[in-house]
Protein backbone atom coordinates (compact mmCIF):
# COMPACT_ATOMS: atom_id res chain seq x y z
CA UNK A 1 143.00 123.17 160.76
CA UNK A 2 141.94 120.11 162.64
CA UNK A 3 138.59 120.03 164.43
CA UNK A 4 139.24 118.95 167.98
CA UNK A 5 135.81 119.62 169.65
CA UNK A 6 132.30 118.88 168.69
CA UNK A 7 129.06 120.66 169.78
CA UNK A 8 126.21 118.17 169.29
CA UNK A 9 122.76 119.27 168.22
CA UNK A 10 121.33 116.75 170.63
CA UNK A 11 122.84 113.73 172.30
CA UNK A 12 120.90 110.49 172.59
CA UNK A 13 120.11 109.34 176.15
CA UNK A 14 121.39 105.84 176.14
CA UNK A 15 122.12 103.86 179.30
CA UNK A 16 122.36 100.25 180.51
CA UNK A 17 118.55 99.76 179.99
CA UNK A 18 119.05 100.32 176.27
CA UNK A 19 122.25 98.07 176.11
CA UNK A 20 120.30 95.25 177.89
CA UNK A 21 117.38 95.54 175.42
CA UNK A 22 119.73 95.32 172.50
CA UNK A 23 121.47 92.30 174.12
CA UNK A 24 118.12 90.52 174.56
CA UNK A 25 117.22 91.19 170.96
CA UNK A 26 120.41 89.77 169.72
CA UNK A 27 120.27 86.67 171.96
CA UNK A 28 116.66 86.01 170.97
CA UNK A 29 117.75 85.41 167.33
CA UNK A 30 115.18 88.00 166.21
CA UNK A 31 117.52 90.78 164.99
CA UNK A 32 115.06 92.29 162.47
CA UNK A 33 111.28 92.99 162.69
CA UNK A 34 109.90 90.72 165.45
CA UNK A 35 108.68 90.62 169.08
CA UNK A 36 110.69 93.75 170.19
CA UNK A 37 109.29 95.74 167.35
CA UNK A 38 105.74 94.62 168.20
CA UNK A 39 106.29 95.48 171.87
CA UNK A 40 107.50 98.93 170.83
CA UNK A 41 104.50 99.41 168.53
CA UNK A 42 102.03 98.45 171.38
CA UNK A 43 103.70 100.75 173.98
CA UNK A 44 103.69 103.65 171.51
CA UNK A 45 100.07 103.15 170.67
CA UNK A 46 99.19 103.17 174.32
CA UNK A 47 101.13 106.26 174.99
CA UNK A 48 99.73 108.43 172.18
CA UNK A 49 96.21 106.87 172.05
CA UNK A 50 96.30 105.39 168.44
CA UNK A 51 94.46 102.35 167.42
CA UNK A 52 97.24 101.26 164.97
CA UNK A 53 101.02 101.78 165.06
CA UNK A 54 103.34 100.70 162.24
CA UNK A 55 107.10 100.91 162.98
CA UNK A 56 109.28 101.84 159.98
CA UNK A 57 112.82 102.88 159.29
CA UNK A 58 112.26 106.64 159.14
CA UNK A 59 109.67 109.39 159.28
CA UNK A 60 110.32 109.92 155.59
CA UNK A 61 109.19 106.29 155.03
CA UNK A 62 106.28 106.76 157.31
CA UNK A 63 105.06 109.86 155.27
CA UNK A 64 105.76 108.08 151.98
CA UNK A 65 103.65 105.04 153.02
CA UNK A 66 100.80 107.20 154.36
CA UNK A 67 100.61 109.10 151.18
CA UNK A 68 100.61 105.88 149.10
CA UNK A 69 97.90 104.45 151.40
CA UNK A 70 95.51 107.47 150.62
CA UNK A 71 96.05 106.96 146.93
CA UNK A 72 98.13 110.01 146.05
CA UNK A 73 98.70 110.22 142.32
CA UNK A 74 100.58 112.30 139.78
CA UNK A 75 99.35 115.84 139.44
CA UNK A 76 97.53 115.76 142.77
CA UNK A 77 98.38 118.67 145.19
CA UNK A 78 99.43 118.38 148.83
CA UNK A 79 99.49 121.44 150.94
CA UNK A 80 102.32 121.75 153.57
CA UNK A 81 104.64 124.09 155.35
CA UNK A 82 107.80 125.71 153.91
CA UNK A 83 109.28 125.61 157.34
CA UNK A 84 110.37 121.98 157.61
CA UNK A 85 113.03 119.55 156.52
CA UNK A 86 113.16 118.58 152.84
CA UNK A 87 111.62 115.20 153.35
CA UNK A 88 108.07 116.66 153.88
CA UNK A 89 108.00 117.91 150.22
CA UNK A 90 110.22 115.13 148.84
CA UNK A 91 107.72 112.44 149.63
CA UNK A 92 105.03 114.31 147.69
CA UNK A 93 107.40 114.46 144.68
CA UNK A 94 107.83 110.72 144.87
CA UNK A 95 104.42 110.49 143.26
CA UNK A 96 105.03 113.25 140.75
CA UNK A 97 102.38 115.22 142.79
CA UNK A 98 102.83 118.83 143.56
CA UNK A 99 103.81 120.31 147.03
CA UNK A 100 101.90 123.52 147.71
CA UNK A 101 103.63 125.66 150.22
CA UNK A 102 101.65 128.16 152.33
CA UNK A 103 103.06 130.53 154.89
CA UNK A 104 103.43 130.05 158.62
CA UNK A 105 102.07 131.80 161.66
CA UNK A 106 104.74 134.11 163.12
CA UNK A 107 103.75 133.30 166.76
CA UNK A 108 104.34 129.47 166.52
CA UNK A 109 106.04 128.92 163.07
CA UNK A 110 103.31 126.35 162.09
CA UNK A 111 101.29 126.43 158.94
CA UNK A 112 98.60 129.15 158.83
CA UNK A 113 95.18 127.48 158.58
CA UNK A 114 93.48 130.39 156.87
CA UNK A 115 96.15 130.57 154.11
CA UNK A 116 96.08 126.79 153.81
CA UNK A 117 92.31 126.74 153.19
CA UNK A 118 92.64 129.45 150.62
CA UNK A 119 95.24 127.40 148.67
CA UNK A 120 92.79 124.34 148.32
CA UNK A 121 91.92 123.42 144.71
CA UNK A 122 90.03 120.69 143.04
CA UNK A 123 93.43 118.83 142.75
CA UNK A 124 94.19 119.03 146.53
CA UNK A 125 94.44 115.55 148.00
CA UNK A 126 95.86 116.09 151.38
CA UNK A 127 97.27 118.42 154.06
CA UNK A 128 100.63 117.83 155.79
CA UNK A 129 100.93 120.10 158.73
CA UNK A 130 104.34 120.18 160.40
CA UNK A 131 104.61 120.32 164.21
CA UNK A 132 107.81 122.42 164.45
CA UNK A 133 110.23 122.23 167.40
CA UNK A 134 107.69 120.57 169.64
CA UNK A 135 105.03 123.17 169.07
CA UNK A 136 101.76 121.56 167.74
CA UNK A 137 100.03 123.06 164.75
CA UNK A 138 96.46 124.21 165.15
CA UNK A 139 94.80 120.88 164.72
CA UNK A 140 91.35 122.08 165.63
CA UNK A 141 91.25 124.26 162.56
CA UNK A 142 93.17 121.89 160.29
CA UNK A 143 90.99 118.88 161.12
CA UNK A 144 87.83 120.92 160.48
CA UNK A 145 89.17 122.14 157.20
CA UNK A 146 90.38 118.69 156.11
CA UNK A 147 87.04 117.04 157.02
CA UNK A 148 84.96 119.74 155.40
CA UNK A 149 86.90 119.53 152.10
CA UNK A 150 87.26 115.73 152.11
CA UNK A 151 91.06 115.79 152.39
CA UNK A 152 93.45 113.47 154.12
CA UNK A 153 95.29 114.92 157.10
CA UNK A 154 98.81 113.42 157.41
CA UNK A 155 100.73 114.97 160.38
CA UNK A 156 104.49 115.33 160.17
CA UNK A 157 105.29 114.85 163.84
CA UNK A 158 109.05 114.30 163.55
CA UNK A 159 109.52 117.04 166.16
CA UNK A 160 106.49 116.15 168.30
CA UNK A 161 106.89 113.34 170.81
CA UNK A 162 105.66 113.67 173.44
CA UNK A 163 103.35 116.58 172.69
CA UNK A 164 99.69 117.28 173.23
CA UNK A 165 97.13 119.59 171.55
CA UNK A 166 93.95 120.39 173.46
CA UNK A 167 94.68 117.47 175.87
CA UNK A 168 95.04 114.96 173.07
CA UNK A 169 98.48 113.52 172.37
CA UNK A 170 99.92 114.00 168.91
CA UNK A 171 99.56 110.64 167.47
CA UNK A 172 95.82 110.29 168.25
CA UNK A 173 93.09 111.48 165.88
CA UNK A 174 92.15 115.10 166.50
CA UNK A 175 88.59 115.98 167.56
CA UNK A 176 86.33 116.42 164.61
CA UNK A 177 88.67 114.64 162.14
CA UNK A 178 87.37 111.74 160.11
CA UNK A 179 89.29 108.41 159.61
CA UNK A 180 91.32 109.83 156.65
CA UNK A 181 94.17 110.63 159.01
CA UNK A 182 97.74 109.40 160.01
CA UNK A 183 100.56 110.81 162.16
CA UNK A 184 104.25 110.24 161.22
CA UNK A 185 106.94 110.22 163.90
CA UNK A 186 110.82 110.22 163.76
CA UNK A 187 113.18 108.28 165.89
CA UNK A 188 116.37 109.73 164.34
CA UNK A 189 119.45 110.17 166.46
CA UNK A 190 118.55 113.79 167.43
CA UNK A 191 114.96 113.04 168.43
CA UNK A 192 113.53 112.81 172.05
CA UNK A 193 113.60 108.96 171.66
CA UNK A 194 115.78 107.24 169.17
CA UNK A 195 116.32 104.01 167.37
CA UNK A 196 119.29 105.35 165.54
CA UNK A 197 117.10 105.48 162.37
CA UNK A 198 113.32 104.84 162.72
CA UNK A 199 109.90 106.10 162.41
CA UNK A 200 106.23 105.33 163.33
CA UNK A 201 102.85 105.64 161.65
CA UNK A 202 99.89 106.00 163.96
CA UNK A 203 96.29 105.89 162.62
CA UNK A 204 92.76 104.81 163.61
CA UNK A 205 92.10 103.86 160.07
CA UNK A 206 92.07 100.04 159.62
CA UNK A 207 92.43 100.05 155.81
CA UNK A 208 95.23 102.65 155.85
CA UNK A 209 97.10 100.84 158.58
CA UNK A 210 96.91 97.47 156.70
CA UNK A 211 98.09 99.08 153.51
CA UNK A 212 101.12 100.60 155.24
CA UNK A 213 102.03 97.33 156.90
CA UNK A 214 102.05 95.45 153.62
CA UNK A 215 103.77 98.23 151.59
CA UNK A 216 106.41 98.63 154.35
CA UNK A 217 107.79 95.15 153.55
CA UNK A 218 107.82 94.49 149.76
CA UNK A 219 103.97 94.18 149.49
CA UNK A 220 104.18 90.89 151.43
CA UNK A 221 100.77 89.95 152.92
CA UNK A 222 102.23 88.55 156.10
CA UNK A 223 105.48 89.49 157.90
CA UNK A 224 108.07 86.95 159.29
CA UNK A 225 106.69 87.24 162.93
CA UNK A 226 103.16 86.30 161.72
CA UNK A 227 104.46 83.51 159.64
CA UNK A 228 106.46 82.17 162.59
CA UNK A 229 103.94 82.46 165.31
CA UNK A 230 100.36 81.10 165.78
CA UNK A 231 98.87 84.11 163.87
CA UNK A 232 99.09 82.15 160.60
CA UNK A 233 100.85 79.62 158.49
CA UNK A 234 104.11 80.27 156.57
CA UNK A 235 102.16 80.90 153.30
CA UNK A 236 102.06 84.54 151.94
CA UNK A 237 101.47 86.46 148.82
CA UNK A 238 103.14 89.49 147.35
CA UNK A 239 100.11 91.67 146.74
CA UNK A 240 101.73 94.86 145.44
CA UNK A 241 105.29 96.19 144.62
CA UNK A 242 106.18 97.50 147.95
CA UNK A 243 109.20 98.95 149.74
CA UNK A 244 111.85 97.97 152.30
CA UNK A 245 110.76 100.25 155.12
CA UNK A 246 110.50 97.87 158.13
CA UNK A 247 112.09 98.74 161.43
CA UNK A 248 114.72 96.30 162.63
């Protein structure tokens, strides 16, 4: 039997505007991380209300970097939702840490804050709520729990652009949350905006943002755009064994 028809999950909305932007990037000579990436980061930051945005090549990479930046280690625990794509738990296992799954609320399919708080132990390092299908998790409750227990709040917002909770865009820091916070977005082919493959880290935390930038590109202290422009000289250091997670 030959398959002759295809029912797409979601089709990307690509028109002449996108073709022109791609053409401009190719003609500029910057076909990897450069001015177009910086422009995208700035526009995204303005849209969601984040101080820092770091463009990477997937939401998986974004969550991995955020967990690395908060210092997740082996045998730590991270509480998250069972109703999500595998990547949410996979990135926790990258560190030999333990994903702790708590049940969801039947009305919105997001993680249940009361059950989540009951699952906190001395080994808990972070919480990863998943905003499922464009419906935001209860960030008021989750931010209060995270701050009170001294935990990082790393939001899996792969399904959540553009989405708001209590008049704040997902991507900004929730009311009552301290700076130990980041939001991770996806620009995969089926998402509301797409770069083919891509992701974004949003945070107000200066140190977390800088660590994510460095680790996203092999631990290099200064990316090619900074070395090329007036932001600094060509000289750089490799300060840590990082990853190849930058967005082209």
